[in-house]
Amino acid sequence: MKKKYNVGVVVVTYNRKELLRECLEEIESQTYPVNKIFIIDNNSTDGTFELLKNTFLKDKNIVYKRLDKNIGGAGGFYEGIKLAMKSNENFDFLWIMDDDTIPYKDSLETLIEGYDEQDRVSYLASCVRGEKNEPMNVPVIDDTQTANGYSDWYFKLQDKKIKIKTATFVSILITINAIKKVGLPCKNFYIWGDDTEYTTRLTSNYGNAYMIGNSWVSHKRKNAQALSIMTEVDKDRIDNYFYHYRNNMIVTGLYAKNSVYTRFAKNILQAFKVLNTKYGRKKSFIILKGTFIGFKEIKTYKKYIIRERKRYRE
């Protein structure tokens, strides 16, 4: 029989109380029980607290923290992981997800079954489906070449595992030792790219990561399409792409510095191409703003990550 592990859950929510209710109900119904749930509320105004107060907060194993303002998913996960790490619960893992992540009954159990104590694992990721069974939040496969020039991602397929480089914060199970090694996420990323940076930091500085082929969750995101400013038609959403371009510029500078000028050039080219789309001038400005500011801030985030890697060793 496998060792019984202590699992904490971090859920970040903002103005989606009914999805949060569904998410929490499924977490509490897992075939592999969790030990504690930490809910970070990004200052919801839809009655989230009132719903929780009369239901889930009666459970002593649920910790709720309402923030003074909305600091985005990045800030929410920073606060949630920090809260869990300070709780003295002796967790082995933290299971991370948004409020619109709806786990299957065995999502956690199958992640745990994919864990190998003999392997230096940083995190394990579930496979993600949208509401229409479409693929979503697909991780990046680790295509690092072996000595003979081939990548090795398929060596664990018989164990229903695929080696990956990055994943999103939609059901990933992070080992506590990995968190102690690399610190907390970049809270000032706000949205879009914070999970890419953090999961890349984990695999780059701690150990292997795997997508577990029989662990599934549903992601009830309103827009199931992959991010693309070229096809974006929601004017109110365009401003958020600033974080997409800024954060990805920073991540490239941190982990693929040989490609940073290539990314810079591609972004500039896209800023011209996007002029022919709806709201083209605004989109072009956002791409250029995110690209230049991101490029400028690479050194700042290098220092930030160095500080974070010292957090649990002081």
C-alpha atoms as a PDB file:
ATOM      1  CA  MET A   1       0.000   0.000   0.000  1.00  0.00           C
ATOM      2  CA  LYS A   2       1.262   3.469  -0.893  1.00  0.00           C
ATOM      3  CA  LYS A   3       2.120   5.963   1.802  1.00  0.00           C
ATOM      4  CA  LYS A   4      -0.722   8.252   2.866  1.00  0.00           C
ATOM      5  CA  TYR A   5       0.161  11.803   1.884  1.00  0.00           C
ATOM      6  CA  ASN A   6      -0.954  15.076   3.450  1.00  0.00           C
ATOM      7  CA  VAL A   7      -2.518  17.251   0.741  1.00  0.00           C
ATOM      8  CA  GLY A   8      -3.496  20.903   0.967  1.00  0.00           C
ATOM      9  CA  VAL A   9      -5.592  22.603  -1.722  1.00  0.00           C
ATOM     10  CA  VAL A  10      -5.323  26.217  -2.897  1.00  0.00           C
ATOM     11  CA  VAL A  11      -8.295  27.666  -4.795  1.00  0.00           C
ATOM     12  CA  VAL A  12      -8.338  31.257  -6.074  1.00  0.00           C
ATOM     13  CA  THR A  13     -11.735  32.820  -6.747  1.00  0.00           C
ATOM     14  CA  TYR A  14     -13.250  36.034  -8.038  1.00  0.00           C
ATOM     15  CA  ASN A  15     -16.966  36.659  -8.649  1.00  0.00           C
ATOM     16  CA  ARG A  16     -17.829  33.091  -9.637  1.00  0.00           C
ATOM     17  CA  LYS A  17     -19.597  31.833  -6.540  1.00  0.00           C
ATOM     18  CA  GLU A  18     -21.622  29.105  -8.253  1.00  0.00           C
ATOM     19  CA  LEU A  19     -18.573  27.683  -9.999  1.00  0.00           C
ATOM     20  CA  LEU A  20     -16.670  27.926  -6.709  1.00  0.00           C
ATOM     21  CA  ARG A  21     -19.448  25.971  -4.998  1.00  0.00           C
ATOM     22  CA  GLU A  22     -19.188  23.227  -7.633  1.00  0.00           C
ATOM     23  CA  CYS A  23     -15.399  23.203  -7.406  1.00  0.00           C
ATOM     24  CA  LEU A  24     -15.434  22.856  -3.611  1.00  0.00           C
ATOM     25  CA  GLU A  25     -18.111  20.160  -3.645  1.00  0.00           C
ATOM     26  CA  GLU A  26     -15.958  18.059  -5.974  1.00  0.00           C
ATOM     27  CA  ILE A  27     -12.826  18.650  -3.908  1.00  0.00           C
ATOM     28  CA  GLU A  28     -14.653  17.465  -0.797  1.00  0.00           C
ATOM     29  CA  SER A  29     -15.909  14.384  -2.671  1.00  0.00           C
ATOM     30  CA  GLN A  30     -12.487  13.152  -3.797  1.00  0.00           C
ATOM     31  CA  THR A  31     -11.739   9.450  -3.500  1.00  0.00           C
ATOM     32  CA  TYR A  32      -8.391  10.536  -2.019  1.00  0.00           C
ATOM     33  CA  PRO A  33      -9.342  12.945   0.788  1.00  0.00           C
ATOM     34  CA  VAL A  34      -7.608  16.294   1.171  1.00  0.00           C
ATOM     35  CA  ASN A  35      -6.464  17.600   4.535  1.00  0.00           C
ATOM     36  CA  LYS A  36      -7.137  21.323   4.192  1.00  0.00           C
ATOM     37  CA  ILE A  37      -8.560  23.766   1.644  1.00  0.00           C
ATOM     38  CA  PHE A  38      -7.336  27.362   1.369  1.00  0.00           C
ATOM     39  CA  ILE A  39      -9.680  29.724  -0.482  1.00  0.00           C
ATOM     40  CA  ILE A  40      -8.258  33.056  -1.628  1.00  0.00           C
ATOM     41  CA  ASP A  41     -11.020  35.501  -2.568  1.00  0.00           C
ATOM     42  CA  ASN A  42      -9.832  38.336  -4.813  1.00  0.00           C
ATOM     43  CA  ASN A  43     -12.344  40.767  -3.276  1.00  0.00           C
ATOM     44  CA  SER A  44     -15.470  39.266  -4.880  1.00  0.00           C
ATOM     45  CA  THR A  45     -18.612  41.408  -4.992  1.00  0.00           C
ATOM     46  CA  ASP A  46     -21.135  38.722  -6.009  1.00  0.00           C
ATOM     47  CA  GLY A  47     -21.947  37.345  -2.561  1.00  0.00           C
ATOM     48  CA  THR A  48     -19.171  34.768  -2.468  1.00  0.00           C
ATOM     49  CA  PHE A  49     -18.514  35.266   1.252  1.00  0.00           C
ATOM     50  CA  GLU A  50     -22.213  35.029   2.129  1.00  0.00           C
ATOM     51  CA  LEU A  51     -22.470  31.732   0.251  1.00  0.00           C
ATOM     52  CA  LEU A  52     -19.368  30.324   1.952  1.00  0.00           C
ATOM     53  CA  LYS A  53     -20.315  31.577   5.421  1.00  0.00           C
ATOM     54  CA  ASN A  54     -23.498  29.536   5.490  1.00  0.00           C
ATOM     55  CA  THR A  55     -22.007  26.409   3.927  1.00  0.00           C
ATOM     56  CA  PHE A  56     -18.350  25.552   3.474  1.00  0.00           C
ATOM     57  CA  LEU A  57     -16.880  27.780   6.174  1.00  0.00           C
ATOM     58  CA  LYS A  58     -18.598  25.658   8.795  1.00  0.00           C
ATOM     59  CA  ASP A  59     -15.916  23.072   7.983  1.00  0.00           C
ATOM     60  CA  LYS A  60     -12.865  23.663  10.187  1.00  0.00           C
ATOM     61  CA  ASN A  61     -10.650  22.254   7.437  1.00  0.00           C
ATOM     62  CA  ILE A  62     -11.452  25.163   5.129  1.00  0.00           C
ATOM     63  CA  VAL A  63      -9.504  28.416   5.494  1.00  0.00           C
ATOM     64  CA  TYR A  64     -10.907  31.517   3.794  1.00  0.00           C
ATOM     65  CA  LYS A  65      -8.987  34.720   3.113  1.00  0.00           C
ATOM     66  CA  ARG A  66     -10.614  37.705   1.445  1.00  0.00           C
ATOM     67  CA  LEU A  67      -8.153  40.172  -0.072  1.00  0.00           C
ATOM     68  CA  ASP A  68      -8.618  43.947   0.097  1.00  0.00           C
ATOM     69  CA  LYS A  69      -8.524  44.223  -3.686  1.00  0.00           C
ATOM     70  CA  ASN A  70      -8.353  42.060  -6.789  1.00  0.00           C
ATOM     71  CA  ILE A  71      -4.664  41.299  -7.370  1.00  0.00           C
ATOM     72  CA  GLY A  72      -5.301  38.807 -10.164  1.00  0.00           C
ATOM     73  CA  GLY A  73      -4.736  35.099 -10.340  1.00  0.00           C
ATOM     74  CA  ALA A  74      -0.981  35.530  -9.893  1.00  0.00           C
ATOM     75  CA  GLY A  75      -1.396  37.472  -6.658  1.00  0.00           C
ATOM     76  CA  GLY A  76      -4.082  35.083  -5.474  1.00  0.00           C
ATOM     77  CA  PHE A  77      -1.913  31.995  -5.933  1.00  0.00           C
ATOM     78  CA  TYR A  78       1.010  33.788  -4.297  1.00  0.00           C
ATOM     79  CA  GLU A  79      -1.153  34.523  -1.244  1.00  0.00           C
ATOM     80  CA  GLY A  80      -2.676  31.050  -1.199  1.00  0.00           C
ATOM     81  CA  ILE A  81       0.586  29.135  -1.392  1.00  0.00           C
ATOM     82  CA  LYS A  82       2.147  31.464   1.178  1.00  0.00           C
ATOM     83  CA  LEU A  83      -0.789  30.914   3.540  1.00  0.00           C
ATOM     84  CA  ALA A  84      -0.558  27.134   3.142  1.00  0.00           C
ATOM     85  CA  MET A  85       3.199  27.135   3.700  1.00  0.00           C
ATOM     86  CA  LYS A  86       2.803  29.156   6.912  1.00  0.00           C
ATOM     87  CA  SER A  87       0.059  26.910   8.287  1.00  0.00           C
ATOM     88  CA  ASN A  88       2.373  24.333   9.930  1.00  0.00           C
ATOM     89  CA  GLU A  89       0.256  21.514   8.477  1.00  0.00           C
ATOM     90  CA  ASN A  90       3.268  19.486   7.261  1.00  0.00           C
ATOM     91  CA  PHE A  91       1.836  19.060   3.778  1.00  0.00           C
ATOM     92  CA  ASP A  92       3.482  16.736   1.296  1.00  0.00           C
ATOM     93  CA  PHE A  93       1.701  18.385  -1.645  1.00  0.00           C
ATOM     94  CA  LEU A  94      -0.334  21.442  -2.567  1.00  0.00           C
ATOM     95  CA  TRP A  95      -3.070  20.944  -5.161  1.00  0.00           C
ATOM     96  CA  ILE A  96      -3.562  24.183  -7.129  1.00  0.00           C
ATOM     97  CA  MET A  97      -6.588  25.306  -9.147  1.00  0.00           C
ATOM     98  CA  ASP A  98      -8.874  28.168 -10.179  1.00  0.00           C
ATOM     99  CA  ASP A  99     -12.494  28.338  -9.084  1.00  0.00           C
ATOM    100  CA  ASP A 100     -13.690  27.214 -12.539  1.00  0.00           C
ATOM    101  CA  THR A 101     -11.723  23.962 -12.308  1.00  0.00           C
ATOM    102  CA  ILE A 102     -14.120  21.098 -11.631  1.00  0.00           C
ATOM    103  CA  PRO A 103     -12.230  17.937 -10.611  1.00  0.00           C
ATOM    104  CA  TYR A 104     -13.492  14.433 -11.308  1.00  0.00           C
ATOM    105  CA  LYS A 105     -14.011  12.236  -8.254  1.00  0.00           C
ATOM    106  CA  ASP A 106     -10.646  10.520  -8.714  1.00  0.00           C
ATOM    107  CA  SER A 107      -8.598  13.448 -10.057  1.00  0.00           C
ATOM    108  CA  LEU A 108      -6.414  13.659  -6.962  1.00  0.00           C
ATOM    109  CA  GLU A 109      -6.140   9.906  -6.438  1.00  0.00           C
ATOM    110  CA  THR A 110      -4.836   9.390  -9.964  1.00  0.00           C
ATOM    111  CA  LEU A 111      -2.331  12.222  -9.538  1.00  0.00           C
ATOM    112  CA  ILE A 112      -1.064  10.611  -6.335  1.00  0.00           C
ATOM    113  CA  GLU A 113      -0.833   7.232  -8.066  1.00  0.00           C
ATOM    114  CA  GLY A 114       1.429   8.871 -10.646  1.00  0.00           C
ATOM    115  CA  TYR A 115       3.875  10.070  -8.000  1.00  0.00           C
ATOM    116  CA  ASP A 116       7.118   8.141  -7.631  1.00  0.00           C
ATOM    117  CA  GLU A 117       9.165   8.849  -4.513  1.00  0.00           C
ATOM    118  CA  GLN A 118      12.265   7.558  -6.290  1.00  0.00           C
ATOM    119  CA  ASP A 119      11.938  10.316  -8.888  1.00  0.00           C
ATOM    120  CA  ARG A 120      12.734  13.942  -8.060  1.00  0.00           C
ATOM    121  CA  VAL A 121       9.287  15.262  -8.976  1.00  0.00           C
ATOM    122  CA  SER A 122       8.392  18.942  -8.821  1.00  0.00           C
ATOM    123  CA  TYR A 123       4.729  18.656  -9.846  1.00  0.00           C
ATOM    124  CA  LEU A 124       2.116  16.484 -11.529  1.00  0.00           C
ATOM    125  CA  ALA A 125      -0.578  17.862 -13.846  1.00  0.00           C
ATOM    126  CA  SER A 126      -4.056  16.634 -14.740  1.00  0.00           C
ATOM    127  CA  CYS A 127      -5.368  16.485 -18.295  1.00  0.00           C
ATOM    128  CA  VAL A 128      -7.941  19.219 -18.913  1.00  0.00           C
ATOM    129  CA  ARG A 129     -11.173  19.157 -20.897  1.00  0.00           C
ATOM    130  CA  GLY A 130     -13.532  22.050 -21.623  1.00  0.00           C
ATOM    131  CA  GLU A 131     -17.300  21.893 -21.237  1.00  0.00           C
ATOM    132  CA  LYS A 132     -17.666  20.514 -24.790  1.00  0.00           C
ATOM    133  CA  ASN A 133     -14.943  17.924 -24.192  1.00  0.00           C
ATOM    134  CA  GLU A 134     -12.435  20.036 -26.106  1.00  0.00           C
ATOM    135  CA  PRO A 135      -8.731  20.042 -25.097  1.00  0.00           C
ATOM    136  CA  MET A 136      -7.717  22.944 -22.876  1.00  0.00           C
ATOM    137  CA  ASN A 137      -4.673  24.117 -20.907  1.00  0.00           C
ATOM    138  CA  VAL A 138      -2.456  21.621 -22.708  1.00  0.00           C
ATOM    139  CA  PRO A 139       1.020  21.538 -21.087  1.00  0.00           C
ATOM    140  CA  VAL A 140       4.280  21.859 -23.003  1.00  0.00           C
ATOM    141  CA  ILE A 141       5.973  18.494 -23.501  1.00  0.00           C
ATOM    142  CA  ASP A 142       9.602  18.266 -22.396  1.00  0.00           C
ATOM    143  CA  ASP A 143      11.441  17.677 -25.666  1.00  0.00           C
ATOM    144  CA  THR A 144      14.932  17.946 -24.155  1.00  0.00           C
ATOM    145  CA  GLN A 145      17.304  15.800 -26.185  1.00  0.00           C
ATOM    146  CA  THR A 146      19.110  12.812 -24.715  1.00  0.00           C
ATOM    147  CA  ALA A 147      22.709  11.873 -25.504  1.00  0.00           C
ATOM    148  CA  ASN A 148      21.734  10.319 -28.838  1.00  0.00           C
ATOM    149  CA  GLY A 149      19.778  13.368 -30.006  1.00  0.00           C
ATOM    150  CA  TYR A 150      16.232  12.116 -29.367  1.00  0.00           C
ATOM    151  CA  SER A 151      13.844  13.548 -26.783  1.00  0.00           C
ATOM    152  CA  ASP A 152      12.718  11.197 -23.993  1.00  0.00           C
ATOM    153  CA  TRP A 153       9.154  12.290 -23.224  1.00  0.00           C
ATOM    154  CA  TYR A 154       7.603   8.928 -24.195  1.00  0.00           C
ATOM    155  CA  PHE A 155       9.690   6.728 -21.911  1.00  0.00           C
ATOM    156  CA  LYS A 156       7.009   6.708 -19.198  1.00  0.00           C
ATOM    157  CA  LEU A 157       3.963   6.286 -21.424  1.00  0.00           C
ATOM    158  CA  GLN A 158       3.474   2.767 -20.085  1.00  0.00           C
ATOM    159  CA  ASP A 159       2.888   4.421 -16.696  1.00  0.00           C
ATOM    160  CA  LYS A 160       0.383   6.881 -18.228  1.00  0.00           C
ATOM    161  CA  LYS A 161       2.845   9.735 -17.696  1.00  0.00           C
ATOM    162  CA  ILE A 162       4.273  12.296 -20.122  1.00  0.00           C
ATOM    163  CA  LYS A 163       7.246  14.421 -19.114  1.00  0.00           C
ATOM    164  CA  ILE A 164       6.408  18.136 -19.405  1.00  0.00           C
ATOM    165  CA  LYS A 165       8.138  21.493 -19.091  1.00  0.00           C
ATOM    166  CA  THR A 166       5.273  23.802 -18.153  1.00  0.00           C
ATOM    167  CA  ALA A 167       1.605  23.620 -17.173  1.00  0.00           C
ATOM    168  CA  THR A 168      -1.165  25.937 -16.037  1.00  0.00           C
ATOM    169  CA  PHE A 169      -2.676  26.363 -12.584  1.00  0.00           C
ATOM    170  CA  VAL A 170      -5.618  24.132 -13.562  1.00  0.00           C
ATOM    171  CA  SER A 171      -5.093  21.116 -11.315  1.00  0.00           C
ATOM    172  CA  ILE A 172      -1.402  20.714 -10.647  1.00  0.00           C
ATOM    173  CA  LEU A 173      -0.069  18.866  -7.609  1.00  0.00           C
ATOM    174  CA  ILE A 174       3.158  20.484  -6.405  1.00  0.00           C
ATOM    175  CA  THR A 175       5.536  18.785  -3.979  1.00  0.00           C
ATOM    176  CA  ILE A 176       6.277  20.835  -0.879  1.00  0.00           C
ATOM    177  CA  ASN A 177      10.014  20.296  -1.210  1.00  0.00           C
ATOM    178  CA  ALA A 178       9.877  21.853  -4.672  1.00  0.00           C
ATOM    179  CA  ILE A 179       8.102  24.929  -3.290  1.00  0.00           C
ATOM    180  CA  LYS A 180      10.737  25.204  -0.569  1.00  0.00           C
ATOM    181  CA  LYS A 181      13.403  25.097  -3.243  1.00  0.00           C
ATOM    182  CA  VAL A 182      12.003  27.739  -5.635  1.00  0.00           C
ATOM    183  CA  GLY A 183       9.790  29.978  -3.472  1.00  0.00           C
ATOM    184  CA  LEU A 184       6.449  31.517  -4.423  1.00  0.00           C
ATOM    185  CA  PRO A 185       4.954  32.604  -7.776  1.00  0.00           C
ATOM    186  CA  CYS A 186       5.519  36.088  -9.240  1.00  0.00           C
ATOM    187  CA  LYS A 187       2.605  37.935  -7.650  1.00  0.00           C
ATOM    188  CA  ASN A 188       2.968  41.034  -9.830  1.00  0.00           C
ATOM    189  CA  PHE A 189       2.366  39.089 -13.047  1.00  0.00           C
ATOM    190  CA  TYR A 190      -1.356  39.637 -12.292  1.00  0.00           C
ATOM    191  CA  ILE A 191      -2.713  37.206 -14.946  1.00  0.00           C
ATOM    192  CA  TRP A 192      -1.549  35.139 -17.938  1.00  0.00           C
ATOM    193  CA  GLY A 193       1.951  33.799 -17.671  1.00  0.00           C
ATOM    194  CA  ASP A 194       2.399  33.467 -13.924  1.00  0.00           C
ATOM    195  CA  ASP A 195       1.754  29.716 -14.123  1.00  0.00           C
ATOM    196  CA  THR A 196       4.147  29.362 -17.085  1.00  0.00           C
ATOM    197  CA  GLU A 197       6.903  31.128 -15.154  1.00  0.00           C
ATOM    198  CA  TYR A 198       6.322  29.187 -11.954  1.00  0.00           C
ATOM    199  CA  THR A 199       6.081  25.726 -13.490  1.00  0.00           C
ATOM    200  CA  THR A 200       9.157  26.464 -15.611  1.00  0.00           C
ATOM    201  CA  ARG A 201      10.977  27.579 -12.460  1.00  0.00           C
ATOM    202  CA  LEU A 202       9.996  24.322 -10.773  1.00  0.00           C
ATOM    203  CA  THR A 203      11.241  22.083 -13.584  1.00  0.00           C
ATOM    204  CA  SER A 204      14.361  24.203 -14.146  1.00  0.00           C
ATOM    205  CA  ASN A 205      15.415  24.391 -10.498  1.00  0.00           C
ATOM    206  CA  TYR A 206      13.975  21.342  -8.746  1.00  0.00           C
ATOM    207  CA  GLY A 207      12.977  18.297 -10.749  1.00  0.00           C
ATOM    208  CA  ASN A 208      10.804  16.484 -13.261  1.00  0.00           C
ATOM    209  CA  ALA A 209       7.145  17.190 -13.997  1.00  0.00           C
ATOM    210  CA  TYR A 210       4.586  14.908 -15.580  1.00  0.00           C
ATOM    211  CA  MET A 211       1.110  15.051 -17.031  1.00  0.00           C
ATOM    212  CA  ILE A 212      -0.817  12.089 -15.657  1.00  0.00           C
ATOM    213  CA  GLY A 213      -2.828  10.541 -18.462  1.00  0.00           C
ATOM    214  CA  ASN A 214      -5.702   9.193 -16.368  1.00  0.00           C
ATOM    215  CA  SER A 215      -6.183  12.245 -14.138  1.00  0.00           C
ATOM    216  CA  TRP A 216      -8.847  14.510 -15.625  1.00  0.00           C
ATOM    217  CA  VAL A 217     -10.573  17.759 -14.686  1.00  0.00           C
ATOM    218  CA  SER A 218     -13.131  19.949 -16.409  1.00  0.00           C
ATOM    219  CA  HIS A 219     -12.290  23.610 -16.948  1.00  0.00           C
ATOM    220  CA  LYS A 220     -15.459  25.693 -17.184  1.00  0.00           C
ATOM    221  CA  ARG A 221     -13.769  28.775 -18.587  1.00  0.00           C
ATOM    222  CA  LYS A 222     -16.177  31.129 -20.373  1.00  0.00           C
ATOM    223  CA  ASN A 223     -13.922  31.383 -23.428  1.00  0.00           C
ATOM    224  CA  ALA A 224     -12.455  27.983 -24.294  1.00  0.00           C
ATOM    225  CA  GLN A 225     -10.309  29.290 -27.134  1.00  0.00           C
ATOM    226  CA  ALA A 226      -6.534  29.567 -26.852  1.00  0.00           C
ATOM    227  CA  LEU A 227      -5.357  33.136 -26.223  1.00  0.00           C
ATOM    228  CA  SER A 228      -4.917  35.131 -29.444  1.00  0.00           C
ATOM    229  CA  ILE A 229      -4.972  38.892 -29.731  1.00  0.00           C
ATOM    230  CA  MET A 230      -5.321  38.484 -33.512  1.00  0.00           C
ATOM    231  CA  THR A 231      -8.804  36.995 -33.176  1.00  0.00           C
ATOM    232  CA  GLU A 232      -9.880  38.850 -30.009  1.00  0.00           C
ATOM    233  CA  VAL A 233     -13.121  40.821 -30.510  1.00  0.00           C
ATOM    234  CA  ASP A 234     -13.915  41.744 -26.891  1.00  0.00           C
ATOM    235  CA  LYS A 235     -12.680  45.325 -26.528  1.00  0.00           C
ATOM    236  CA  ASP A 236     -12.755  45.162 -22.715  1.00  0.00           C
ATOM    237  CA  ARG A 237     -10.484  42.098 -22.740  1.00  0.00           C
ATOM    238  CA  ILE A 238      -7.757  43.605 -24.924  1.00  0.00           C
ATOM    239  CA  ASP A 239      -6.087  45.467 -22.039  1.00  0.00           C
ATOM    240  CA  ASN A 240      -5.373  42.125 -20.359  1.00  0.00           C
ATOM    241  CA  TYR A 241      -3.106  41.159 -23.235  1.00  0.00           C
ATOM    242  CA  PHE A 242      -0.581  43.629 -21.878  1.00  0.00           C
ATOM    243  CA  TYR A 243       0.156  41.067 -19.150  1.00  0.00           C
ATOM    244  CA  HIS A 244       0.335  38.270 -21.707  1.00  0.00           C
ATOM    245  CA  TYR A 245       3.042  40.033 -23.742  1.00  0.00           C
ATOM    246  CA  ARG A 246       4.886  41.515 -20.769  1.00  0.00           C
ATOM    247  CA  ASN A 247       4.945  38.277 -18.785  1.00  0.00           C
ATOM    248  CA  ASN A 248       5.931  36.061 -21.704  1.00  0.00           C
ATOM    249  CA  MET A 249       8.722  38.475 -22.570  1.00  0.00           C
ATOM    250  CA  ILE A 250       9.998  38.174 -19.001  1.00  0.00           C
ATOM    251  CA  VAL A 251       9.684  34.362 -18.983  1.00  0.00           C
ATOM    252  CA  THR A 252      11.644  34.146 -22.234  1.00  0.00           C
ATOM    253  CA  GLY A 253      14.360  36.366 -20.774  1.00  0.00           C
ATOM    254  CA  LEU A 254      14.533  34.248 -17.633  1.00  0.00           C
ATOM    255  CA  TYR A 255      14.529  30.751 -19.111  1.00  0.00           C
ATOM    256  CA  ALA A 256      15.285  31.014 -22.839  1.00  0.00           C
ATOM    257  CA  LYS A 257      17.557  34.037 -23.010  1.00  0.00           C
ATOM    258  CA  ASN A 258      18.960  32.996 -26.401  1.00  0.00           C
ATOM    259  CA  SER A 259      15.459  33.463 -27.818  1.00  0.00           C
ATOM    260  CA  VAL A 260      14.621  36.788 -26.189  1.00  0.00           C
ATOM    261  CA  TYR A 261      15.538  38.930 -29.201  1.00  0.00           C
ATOM    262  CA  THR A 262      13.662  36.568 -31.510  1.00  0.00           C
ATOM    263  CA  ARG A 263      10.542  36.920 -29.384  1.00  0.00           C
ATOM    264  CA  PHE A 264      11.033  40.681 -29.274  1.00  0.00           C
ATOM    265  CA  ALA A 265      11.183  40.837 -33.088  1.00  0.00           C
ATOM    266  CA  LYS A 266       8.158  38.557 -33.525  1.00  0.00           C
ATOM    267  CA  ASN A 267       6.130  40.740 -31.182  1.00  0.00           C
ATOM    268  CA  ILE A 268       7.031  43.888 -33.122  1.00  0.00           C
ATOM    269  CA  LEU A 269       6.027  42.177 -36.362  1.00  0.00           C
ATOM    270  CA  GLN A 270       2.735  41.084 -34.822  1.00  0.00           C
ATOM    271  CA  ALA A 271       2.073  44.661 -33.692  1.00  0.00           C
ATOM    272  CA  PHE A 272       2.013  45.615 -37.369  1.00  0.00           C
ATOM    273  CA  LYS A 273      -0.016  42.588 -38.492  1.00  0.00           C
ATOM    274  CA  VAL A 274      -2.700  43.156 -35.888  1.00  0.00           C
ATOM    275  CA  LEU A 275      -3.495  46.614 -37.308  1.00  0.00           C
ATOM    276  CA  ASN A 276      -5.720  44.935 -39.893  1.00  0.00           C
ATOM    277  CA  THR A 277      -7.963  43.331 -37.254  1.00  0.00           C
ATOM    278  CA  LYS A 278     -10.820  44.750 -35.215  1.00  0.00           C
ATOM    279  CA  TYR A 279      -9.538  47.306 -32.666  1.00  0.00           C
ATOM    280  CA  GLY A 280      -6.186  46.967 -34.423  1.00  0.00           C
ATOM    281  CA  ARG A 281      -4.625  50.216 -33.197  1.00  0.00           C
ATOM    282  CA  LYS A 282      -5.414  49.434 -29.575  1.00  0.00           C
ATOM    283  CA  LYS A 283      -4.119  45.878 -29.944  1.00  0.00           C
ATOM    284  CA  SER A 284      -0.905  47.105 -31.547  1.00  0.00           C
ATOM    285  CA  PHE A 285      -0.314  49.562 -28.708  1.00  0.00           C
ATOM    286  CA  ILE A 286      -0.874  46.814 -26.103  1.00  0.00           C
ATOM    287  CA  ILE A 287       1.586  44.455 -27.823  1.00  0.00           C
ATOM    288  CA  LEU A 288       4.280  47.129 -28.025  1.00  0.00           C
ATOM    289  CA  LYS A 289       3.722  48.293 -24.447  1.00  0.00           C
ATOM    290  CA  GLY A 290       3.873  44.751 -23.054  1.00  0.00           C
ATOM    291  CA  THR A 291       6.927  43.858 -25.117  1.00  0.00           C
ATOM    292  CA  PHE A 292       9.034  46.896 -24.213  1.00  0.00           C
ATOM    293  CA  ILE A 293       8.104  46.887 -20.523  1.00  0.00           C
ATOM    294  CA  GLY A 294       8.639  43.134 -20.270  1.00  0.00           C
ATOM    295  CA  PHE A 295      12.056  43.382 -21.877  1.00  0.00           C
ATOM    296  CA  LYS A 296      12.984  46.171 -19.452  1.00  0.00           C
ATOM    297  CA  GLU A 297      11.831  44.178 -16.393  1.00  0.00           C
ATOM    298  CA  ILE A 298      13.737  40.922 -17.048  1.00  0.00           C
ATOM    299  CA  LYS A 299      16.573  41.898 -14.693  1.00  0.00           C
ATOM    300  CA  THR A 300      14.092  42.906 -11.992  1.00  0.00           C
ATOM    301  CA  TYR A 301      12.477  39.468 -12.056  1.00  0.00           C
ATOM    302  CA  LYS A 302      15.820  37.698 -12.063  1.00  0.00           C
ATOM    303  CA  LYS A 303      16.486  39.383  -8.715  1.00  0.00           C
ATOM    304  CA  TYR A 304      12.978  38.530  -7.518  1.00  0.00           C
ATOM    305  CA  ILE A 305      13.439  34.819  -8.240  1.00  0.00           C
ATOM    306  CA  ILE A 306      16.830  34.773  -6.523  1.00  0.00           C
ATOM    307  CA  ARG A 307      15.133  36.223  -3.422  1.00  0.00           C
ATOM    308  CA  GLU A 308      12.336  33.660  -3.651  1.00  0.00           C
ATOM    309  CA  ARG A 309      14.786  30.776  -3.857  1.00  0.00           C
ATOM    310  CA  LYS A 310      16.217  31.952  -0.527  1.00  0.00           C
ATOM    311  CA  ARG A 311      12.794  32.294   1.161  1.00  0.00           C
ATOM    312  CA  TYR A 312      12.687  28.895   2.917  1.00  0.00           C
ATOM    313  CA  ARG A 313      16.429  28.614   3.547  1.00  0.00           C
ATOM    314  CA  GLU A 314      16.802  31.666   5.770  1.00  0.00           C
END
